[in-house]
Protein backbone atom coordinates (compact mmCIF):
# COMPACT_ATOMS: atom_id res chain seq x y z
CA MET A 1 48.79 -20.01 -91.35
CA PRO A 2 50.05 -16.41 -91.22
CA ILE A 3 46.53 -15.20 -90.34
CA ARG A 4 46.14 -15.02 -86.59
CA TYR A 5 42.69 -16.30 -85.75
CA MET A 6 40.65 -16.10 -82.57
CA GLY A 7 39.74 -19.45 -81.08
CA THR A 8 42.14 -21.48 -83.20
CA LYS A 9 42.16 -25.17 -82.21
CA ARG A 10 45.82 -25.95 -82.86
CA ARG A 11 46.37 -27.32 -79.34
CA LEU A 12 42.99 -29.03 -79.20
CA ALA A 13 43.34 -30.56 -82.68
CA PRO A 14 45.25 -33.69 -81.55
CA VAL A 15 42.44 -34.58 -79.11
CA VAL A 16 39.80 -34.12 -81.81
CA GLU A 17 41.91 -36.09 -84.31
CA ALA A 18 42.30 -39.00 -81.86
CA THR A 19 38.55 -38.98 -81.21
CA ILE A 20 37.77 -39.09 -84.92
CA ARG A 21 40.37 -41.80 -85.53
CA GLY A 22 38.64 -43.98 -82.94
CA LEU A 23 35.30 -43.90 -84.77
CA ASP A 24 34.18 -46.86 -86.86
CA TRP A 25 32.13 -44.70 -89.26
CA GLU A 26 33.29 -44.33 -92.85
CA GLY A 27 32.79 -41.18 -94.86
CA ALA A 28 33.80 -37.54 -94.98
CA LEU A 29 34.59 -35.24 -92.08
CA VAL A 30 32.33 -32.18 -92.14
CA ASP A 31 33.98 -29.31 -90.21
CA LEU A 32 31.21 -26.74 -89.74
CA PHE A 33 33.37 -23.93 -88.30
CA CYS A 34 36.70 -24.73 -89.92
CA GLY A 35 38.51 -21.43 -89.25
CA THR A 36 42.19 -21.95 -89.98
CA ALA A 37 41.52 -25.70 -90.47
CA ALA A 38 43.73 -26.87 -87.62
CA VAL A 39 41.62 -30.02 -87.18
CA ALA A 40 41.66 -30.80 -90.91
CA GLN A 41 45.45 -30.40 -90.86
CA ALA A 42 45.66 -32.87 -87.97
CA ILE A 43 43.33 -35.37 -89.67
CA GLY A 44 45.51 -35.47 -92.76
CA THR A 45 44.52 -37.36 -95.87
CA GLY A 46 42.82 -40.33 -94.21
CA ARG A 47 39.32 -38.97 -94.94
CA SER A 48 37.81 -36.65 -97.48
CA LEU A 49 36.89 -33.26 -96.06
CA TRP A 50 34.03 -30.81 -96.21
CA LEU A 51 35.33 -27.55 -94.74
CA ASN A 52 32.82 -24.83 -94.00
CA ASP A 53 32.96 -21.37 -92.48
CA ALA A 54 30.48 -18.52 -92.52
CA GLN A 55 33.24 -16.14 -93.64
CA ALA A 56 33.94 -16.28 -97.36
CA PHE A 57 37.63 -15.38 -97.09
CA ILE A 58 38.20 -18.42 -94.86
CA ALA A 59 36.51 -20.66 -97.43
CA CYS A 60 38.82 -19.25 -100.12
CA ILE A 61 41.90 -20.14 -98.09
CA ALA A 62 40.46 -23.60 -97.33
CA ARG A 63 39.82 -24.24 -101.04
CA ALA A 64 43.34 -23.16 -101.90
CA ARG A 65 44.92 -25.44 -99.30
CA PHE A 66 42.63 -28.48 -99.36
CA CYS A 67 40.85 -28.48 -102.73
CA SER A 68 42.83 -26.67 -105.40
CA GLN A 69 44.36 -28.72 -108.20
CA THR A 70 46.78 -25.97 -109.20
CA ALA A 71 49.87 -24.84 -107.33
CA ALA A 72 51.26 -21.32 -107.71
CA ARG A 73 54.92 -20.48 -108.08
CA ARG A 74 56.50 -17.11 -107.34
CA HIS A 75 58.22 -16.83 -110.71
CA ASP A 76 55.08 -17.73 -112.64
CA ALA A 77 52.93 -15.31 -110.63
CA ASP A 78 55.43 -12.51 -111.14
CA ARG A 79 55.46 -13.10 -114.88
CA LEU A 80 51.67 -13.47 -115.09
CA LEU A 81 50.60 -10.52 -112.94
CA ASN A 82 53.36 -7.91 -112.83
CA GLU A 83 52.48 -5.88 -115.91
CA SER A 84 48.80 -5.51 -115.01
CA PHE A 85 49.76 -4.80 -111.39
CA GLN A 86 52.15 -2.02 -112.38
CA ASP A 87 49.73 -0.45 -114.86
CA HIS A 88 46.86 -0.29 -112.36
CA ARG A 89 49.17 0.85 -109.59
CA SER A 90 50.36 3.78 -111.71
CA ALA A 91 46.78 4.78 -112.49
CA LEU A 92 45.74 4.72 -108.81
CA GLU A 93 48.88 6.56 -107.71
CA LEU A 94 48.02 9.34 -110.14
CA ARG A 95 44.40 9.41 -108.94
CA HIS A 96 45.48 9.60 -105.28
CA SER A 97 48.65 11.68 -105.75
CA GLU A 98 47.63 14.47 -103.36
CA ARG A 99 46.64 12.00 -100.65
CA LEU A 100 49.89 10.08 -101.05
CA GLN A 101 51.90 13.26 -100.67
CA GLU A 102 49.96 14.44 -97.62
CA GLU A 103 50.36 11.06 -95.93
CA ARG A 104 54.10 10.94 -96.64
CA SER A 105 54.44 14.29 -94.92
CA ALA A 106 52.25 13.26 -92.01
CA VAL A 107 54.40 10.28 -90.96
CA ALA A 108 57.24 12.66 -90.01
CA SER A 109 55.95 12.98 -86.44
CA ARG A 110 53.54 11.21 -84.12
CA GLU A 111 51.34 14.30 -83.75
CA GLN A 112 51.06 14.86 -87.50
CA LEU A 113 50.29 11.19 -88.11
CA LEU A 114 47.58 11.10 -85.45
CA ALA A 115 45.97 14.21 -86.95
CA TRP A 116 46.14 12.68 -90.45
CA ILE A 117 44.57 9.37 -89.38
CA ARG A 118 41.74 11.23 -87.67
CA LYS A 119 40.90 13.39 -90.69
CA ALA A 120 41.74 11.11 -93.64
CA PRO A 121 38.56 10.50 -95.66
CA HIS A 122 37.09 7.04 -96.16
CA VAL A 123 33.78 5.61 -97.35
CA GLY A 124 32.35 5.68 -93.83
CA SER A 125 33.03 9.42 -93.42
CA SER A 126 33.07 10.97 -96.88
CA THR A 127 29.99 11.69 -98.99
CA SER A 128 32.03 11.78 -102.19
CA LEU A 129 33.72 8.44 -101.46
CA ARG A 130 30.37 6.86 -100.60
CA ALA A 131 29.10 8.01 -103.98
CA ALA A 132 32.23 6.61 -105.63
CA ALA A 133 31.70 3.26 -103.90
CA ALA A 134 28.10 3.15 -105.14
CA ARG A 135 29.30 3.74 -108.71
CA MET A 136 31.95 1.07 -108.41
CA ARG A 137 29.44 -1.35 -106.93
CA ALA A 138 27.47 -1.08 -110.16
CA GLY A 139 30.51 -1.45 -112.43
CA ALA A 140 33.97 -2.96 -112.55
CA ASP A 141 36.68 -0.92 -110.86
CA TYR A 142 39.49 -1.75 -108.47
CA GLU A 143 39.86 0.89 -105.78
CA LEU A 144 38.19 -0.70 -102.76
CA ALA A 145 41.14 -0.85 -100.35
CA ALA A 146 42.14 2.72 -101.22
CA ILE A 147 38.75 4.24 -100.42
CA TYR A 148 37.82 1.99 -97.48
CA PHE A 149 40.97 1.07 -95.58
CA ALA A 150 43.76 3.52 -96.53
CA SER A 151 45.35 5.66 -93.78
CA SER A 152 44.14 3.21 -91.15
CA TYR A 153 44.63 -0.55 -91.50
CA PHE A 154 47.02 0.13 -94.40
CA SER A 155 48.96 3.09 -95.69
CA THR A 156 47.53 4.65 -98.82
CA GLN A 157 50.36 3.15 -100.88
CA GLN A 158 49.72 -0.31 -99.42
CA ALA A 159 46.00 -0.02 -100.14
CA ILE A 160 46.73 0.96 -103.74
CA ASP A 161 49.07 -2.02 -104.07
CA LEU A 162 46.46 -4.40 -102.64
CA ASP A 163 43.88 -3.12 -105.12
CA SER A 164 46.36 -3.48 -107.96
CA ILE A 165 47.18 -7.10 -107.11
CA ARG A 166 43.48 -7.92 -107.00
CA PHE A 167 43.01 -6.22 -110.38
CA ALA A 168 45.84 -8.30 -111.84
CA VAL A 169 44.57 -11.59 -110.39
CA ASP A 170 41.01 -11.04 -111.60
CA ARG A 171 42.22 -9.96 -115.02
CA GLU A 172 45.04 -12.44 -115.70
CA ALA A 173 44.63 -15.57 -113.57
CA SER A 174 42.69 -18.64 -114.63
CA GLU A 175 39.87 -19.99 -112.46
CA GLU A 176 42.19 -22.81 -111.35
CA GLN A 177 44.89 -20.36 -110.21
CA ARG A 178 42.58 -17.84 -108.57
CA ASP A 179 42.01 -19.35 -105.11
CA VAL A 180 45.70 -19.92 -104.42
CA LEU A 181 46.67 -16.43 -105.58
CA LEU A 182 43.87 -14.80 -103.58
CA ALA A 183 44.81 -16.84 -100.50
CA ALA A 184 48.36 -15.48 -100.77
CA TRP A 185 46.93 -11.97 -101.24
CA LEU A 186 44.72 -12.30 -98.15
CA THR A 187 47.59 -13.55 -95.99
CA THR A 188 49.64 -10.61 -97.26
CA ALA A 189 46.93 -8.20 -96.14
CA SER A 190 46.80 -9.90 -92.74
CA LEU A 191 50.57 -9.71 -92.30
CA ILE A 192 50.94 -6.03 -93.17
CA ALA A 193 47.78 -4.79 -91.43
CA ASN A 194 48.16 -2.10 -88.79
CA SER A 195 46.11 -3.98 -86.20
CA PRO A 196 46.52 -6.00 -82.98
CA GLY A 197 46.09 -9.40 -84.69
CA HIS A 198 42.51 -8.93 -85.84
CA THR A 199 40.84 -6.06 -87.66
CA ALA A 200 38.12 -5.00 -85.26
CA GLN A 201 40.12 -1.79 -84.99
CA PHE A 202 43.36 -0.32 -86.26
CA MET A 203 46.23 1.03 -84.19
CA LYS A 204 46.62 4.77 -83.61
CA PRO A 205 49.83 6.59 -82.68
CA VAL A 206 48.75 7.41 -79.13
CA GLY A 207 52.28 6.83 -77.84
CA GLU A 208 55.79 6.51 -79.17
CA ALA A 209 55.67 2.69 -79.31
CA SER A 210 52.43 2.61 -81.29
CA TYR A 211 53.74 5.35 -83.58
CA ARG A 212 56.85 3.32 -84.38
CA ARG A 213 54.76 0.19 -84.93
CA ILE A 214 52.48 1.98 -87.40
CA ILE A 215 55.44 3.39 -89.31
CA THR A 216 56.93 -0.10 -89.51
CA GLN A 217 53.69 -1.74 -90.66
CA TRP A 218 52.89 0.97 -93.19
CA ALA A 219 56.36 0.58 -94.70
CA ARG A 220 56.02 -3.16 -95.37
CA PRO A 221 56.14 -3.84 -99.12
CA VAL A 222 52.99 -5.38 -100.56
CA TRP A 223 54.15 -6.88 -103.86
CA THR A 224 57.25 -8.64 -102.51
CA THR A 225 55.32 -9.87 -99.46
CA PHE A 226 52.68 -11.27 -101.81
CA LEU A 227 55.32 -13.14 -103.82
CA GLU A 228 56.87 -14.46 -100.59
CA GLN A 229 53.48 -15.76 -99.47
CA ILE A 230 53.10 -17.64 -102.75
CA ASP A 231 56.45 -19.31 -102.07
CA LYS A 232 55.38 -20.20 -98.52
CA PHE A 233 51.89 -21.37 -99.40
CA ALA A 234 51.48 -25.07 -98.60
CA GLN A 235 48.75 -27.23 -100.07
CA VAL A 236 47.77 -30.33 -98.11
CA GLY A 237 47.86 -33.83 -99.61
CA ASP A 238 48.05 -34.78 -103.26
CA ALA A 239 45.84 -33.57 -106.11
CA PRO A 240 43.58 -36.68 -106.28
CA TRP A 241 42.80 -36.41 -102.55
CA ARG A 242 42.20 -32.64 -102.79
CA ALA A 243 39.79 -33.27 -105.67
CA ARG A 244 37.52 -35.19 -103.28
CA ASN A 245 37.30 -32.32 -100.80
CA THR A 246 34.83 -29.45 -100.59
CA ALA A 247 35.05 -25.98 -99.03
CA THR A 248 31.97 -23.80 -98.59
CA SER A 249 30.88 -20.59 -96.92
CA GLU A 250 27.48 -21.08 -95.30
CA ASP A 251 25.71 -20.69 -92.01
CA SER A 252 26.37 -23.92 -90.09
CA ILE A 253 22.74 -24.67 -89.27
CA ALA A 254 21.66 -24.07 -92.88
CA LEU A 255 24.37 -26.44 -94.09
CA MET A 256 23.34 -29.14 -91.61
CA SER A 257 19.72 -28.90 -92.76
CA ARG A 258 20.66 -29.98 -96.29
CA LEU A 259 23.43 -32.44 -95.48
CA ASP A 260 23.19 -35.95 -96.90
CA GLY A 261 24.08 -38.18 -93.98
CA SER A 262 24.83 -41.21 -96.17
CA SER A 263 28.17 -39.78 -97.32
CA VAL A 264 29.21 -38.26 -94.00
CA GLY A 265 31.36 -40.10 -91.49
CA VAL A 266 31.45 -37.48 -88.74
CA VAL A 267 30.46 -33.86 -88.16
CA TYR A 268 32.80 -31.67 -86.13
CA ALA A 269 31.49 -28.42 -84.66
CA ASP A 270 33.57 -25.80 -82.91
CA PRO A 271 31.01 -23.01 -82.49
CA PRO A 272 31.92 -19.62 -81.02
CA TYR A 273 31.45 -19.55 -77.27
CA THR A 274 31.17 -15.84 -76.47
CA SER A 275 28.93 -12.98 -77.61
CA ASP A 276 31.73 -11.69 -79.85
CA GLN A 277 30.77 -11.96 -83.51
CA TYR A 278 33.80 -13.14 -85.50
CA SER A 279 32.60 -11.18 -88.52
CA ARG A 280 33.48 -7.96 -86.68
CA TYR A 281 37.04 -9.09 -86.05
CA TYR A 282 37.78 -10.06 -89.64
CA HIS A 283 35.61 -7.65 -91.62
CA VAL A 284 38.60 -6.17 -93.48
CA LEU A 285 39.67 -9.52 -94.92
CA GLU A 286 36.07 -10.43 -95.68
CA THR A 287 35.49 -7.16 -97.53
CA LEU A 288 38.76 -7.47 -99.42
CA TYR A 289 37.87 -10.98 -100.56
CA LEU A 290 34.25 -10.19 -101.51
CA TYR A 291 35.35 -6.91 -103.10
CA ASP A 292 31.74 -5.78 -103.17
CA TYR A 293 31.96 -2.13 -102.04
CA PRO A 294 29.57 -2.61 -99.10
CA GLU A 295 27.99 0.00 -96.89
CA SER A 296 30.60 1.09 -94.35
CA THR A 297 30.04 2.48 -90.87
CA GLY A 298 32.08 3.77 -87.97
CA GLU A 299 35.72 4.50 -87.45
CA GLY A 300 36.50 0.79 -87.91
CA ARG A 301 35.02 0.83 -91.45
CA TYR A 302 32.66 -2.04 -90.59
CA ARG A 303 30.87 -3.58 -93.55
CA GLY A 304 27.10 -3.67 -93.53
CA GLY A 305 25.27 -6.98 -93.45
CA ARG A 306 27.98 -8.86 -91.57
CA HIS A 307 27.17 -12.46 -90.68
CA VAL A 308 25.53 -12.85 -87.27
CA SER A 309 25.91 -16.24 -85.61
CA ALA A 310 23.06 -17.51 -83.42
CA PHE A 311 25.72 -19.19 -81.28
CA CYS A 312 26.83 -15.69 -80.20
CA LEU A 313 23.36 -14.53 -79.13
CA LYS A 314 22.26 -15.36 -75.60
CA THR A 315 18.61 -15.51 -76.67
CA GLN A 316 19.33 -17.92 -79.55
CA VAL A 317 22.31 -20.03 -78.51
CA ASN A 318 20.24 -22.89 -77.06
CA ASP A 319 18.04 -23.11 -80.15
CA ALA A 320 21.18 -23.17 -82.31
CA PHE A 321 22.67 -26.08 -80.35
CA GLU A 322 19.36 -27.95 -80.46
CA ALA A 323 19.14 -27.54 -84.25
CA LEU A 324 22.73 -28.72 -84.66
CA ALA A 325 22.27 -31.77 -82.45
CA GLU A 326 18.93 -32.75 -83.97
CA SER A 327 20.25 -32.49 -87.53
CA ALA A 328 23.12 -34.85 -86.74
CA ALA A 329 20.97 -37.27 -84.74
CA ASP A 330 18.25 -37.39 -87.42
CA ARG A 331 20.88 -38.29 -90.03
CA LEU A 332 22.46 -40.94 -87.75
CA VAL A 333 25.80 -39.19 -88.00
CA PRO A 334 28.33 -39.00 -85.13
CA LEU A 335 28.78 -35.47 -83.85
CA ILE A 336 31.88 -34.08 -82.15
CA ILE A 337 31.57 -30.72 -80.43
CA SER A 338 34.32 -28.74 -78.74
CA TYR A 339 32.98 -26.18 -76.30
CA PRO A 340 34.20 -24.76 -72.98
CA SER A 341 32.52 -25.24 -69.63
CA ASN A 342 31.91 -21.49 -69.27
CA GLY A 343 30.57 -20.73 -72.74
CA LEU A 344 27.63 -18.52 -73.63
CA LEU A 345 25.26 -21.51 -73.55
CA GLN A 346 26.01 -22.17 -69.88
CA GLN A 347 25.87 -18.45 -69.12
CA ALA A 348 22.36 -18.45 -70.60
CA GLY A 349 21.36 -21.13 -68.09
CA TYR A 350 21.48 -24.26 -70.27
CA SER A 351 23.39 -27.53 -70.05
CA LEU A 352 25.11 -28.87 -73.14
CA ASP A 353 25.47 -32.26 -71.44
CA ASP A 354 21.69 -32.55 -70.96
CA LEU A 355 20.94 -31.32 -74.47
CA LEU A 356 23.23 -33.90 -76.10
CA ASN A 357 22.28 -36.83 -73.85
CA ALA A 358 18.62 -36.30 -74.77
CA ARG A 359 19.39 -36.84 -78.47
CA PHE A 360 22.21 -39.37 -78.75
CA ARG A 361 22.66 -42.97 -77.68
CA SER A 362 25.93 -42.18 -75.91
CA VAL A 363 27.93 -39.06 -75.12
CA THR A 364 31.52 -39.18 -73.90
CA ILE A 365 33.56 -36.16 -72.84
CA VAL A 366 37.28 -35.42 -72.85
CA GLN A 367 38.40 -32.31 -70.98
CA MET A 368 41.55 -30.21 -71.20
CA ALA A 369 42.58 -26.79 -69.90
CA LEU A 370 43.40 -24.18 -72.55
CA SER A 371 44.42 -20.54 -72.62
CA HIS A 372 42.68 -18.55 -75.34
CA SER A 373 44.30 -15.38 -76.70
CA ARG A 374 42.28 -12.21 -76.31
CA MET A 375 43.87 -10.96 -79.55
CA GLY A 376 44.99 -7.48 -78.67
CA SER A 377 44.67 -7.24 -74.88
CA GLY A 378 47.94 -6.78 -73.14
CA GLY A 379 49.58 -7.71 -69.85
CA LYS A 380 47.99 -10.15 -67.45
CA ASP A 381 44.69 -10.06 -69.38
CA SER A 382 46.20 -11.14 -72.71
CA THR A 383 44.80 -14.67 -72.34
CA LYS A 384 41.61 -16.22 -71.00
CA GLU A 385 41.64 -19.57 -69.22
CA ALA A 386 38.96 -22.14 -70.08
CA VAL A 387 38.22 -25.83 -69.57
CA GLU A 388 37.57 -27.13 -73.07
CA ASN A 389 35.23 -30.11 -73.48
CA VAL A 390 35.31 -32.42 -76.49
CA TYR A 391 31.98 -34.22 -76.76
CA LEU A 392 31.69 -37.39 -78.83
CA CYS A 393 28.03 -38.06 -79.55
CA ARG A 394 27.07 -41.42 -81.08
CA PRO A 395 23.65 -41.71 -82.71
CA SER A 396 21.11 -44.44 -82.03
């Protein structure tokens, strides 16, 4: 997965996979917080999958990898999309010609670029662009990246190119092709973004190294990177197995409340364990995927109405764990939870061990030490050490 993702379970996935393999329950694996689907990748094709994440762009990538019946090929995508891409690109370049010229001049020096980034208009700062976004929200237009994220996370030219690819996909691609093409588009945006691995903020040219990094990122070609991502995109399993899988974008507790336990073999939950809301760190990719011209605030261009997880709120985290555990226990479904010993739940004064033992016939724990990336912090503070616990909870 080219998208760097906070809290990925790549190193923990073999432990979870071995735990699931040891169960004697038949049925699908429901992964409530699938993220980059490291656990699903480790499980392989032995079970059908229900992959869920509160962020819609993650669900799109999961559908493309684990559910889609159609593969995309670079040559076919080029032939299908190029003409519409070029036409829309030309129209947006004409519309933003003055901005493009000013930005090309600004990159000549660090001081000029810093001044340009600070003054460049966007929906969060410009009354006229906010009005334009409101008009586009009510109709069909393709200029979102250019008016939200240009001259920050992307150069203006890159933003125009991203908009033009989305225009071409929505106009030319079939429903069967769409998820795979949009997944390649999203990974392209992640790869070229001027950011420290997530999009909570963009980089500024405060020093020579950051200036050079921005120049490099802003120069990365969008269309060819998109075609390369199509070539690299790997679907998991064969088409008949993928047809049995599901990928959704829902709040985890809401999904558990409507789950039919008779078809589920095991539920895996990897909830966030700090007060950091993931929706803040990936709002650019979420907004690009939804393409809904949302309200935008702050220098980071944060979308309004971002998902808020109860697992990230100290006043609600215990209630969230109780609802999760009770839903699984009531449905007589095994529950596997991965959660560190120093998570927000413990910081709030609660014990996950006690909570689970009160609701399940047996609870076993496997522990391992992990280093979690801080995604953007440097030096000795670039990682955070944690003892990760994998809880296997068997129902009565």
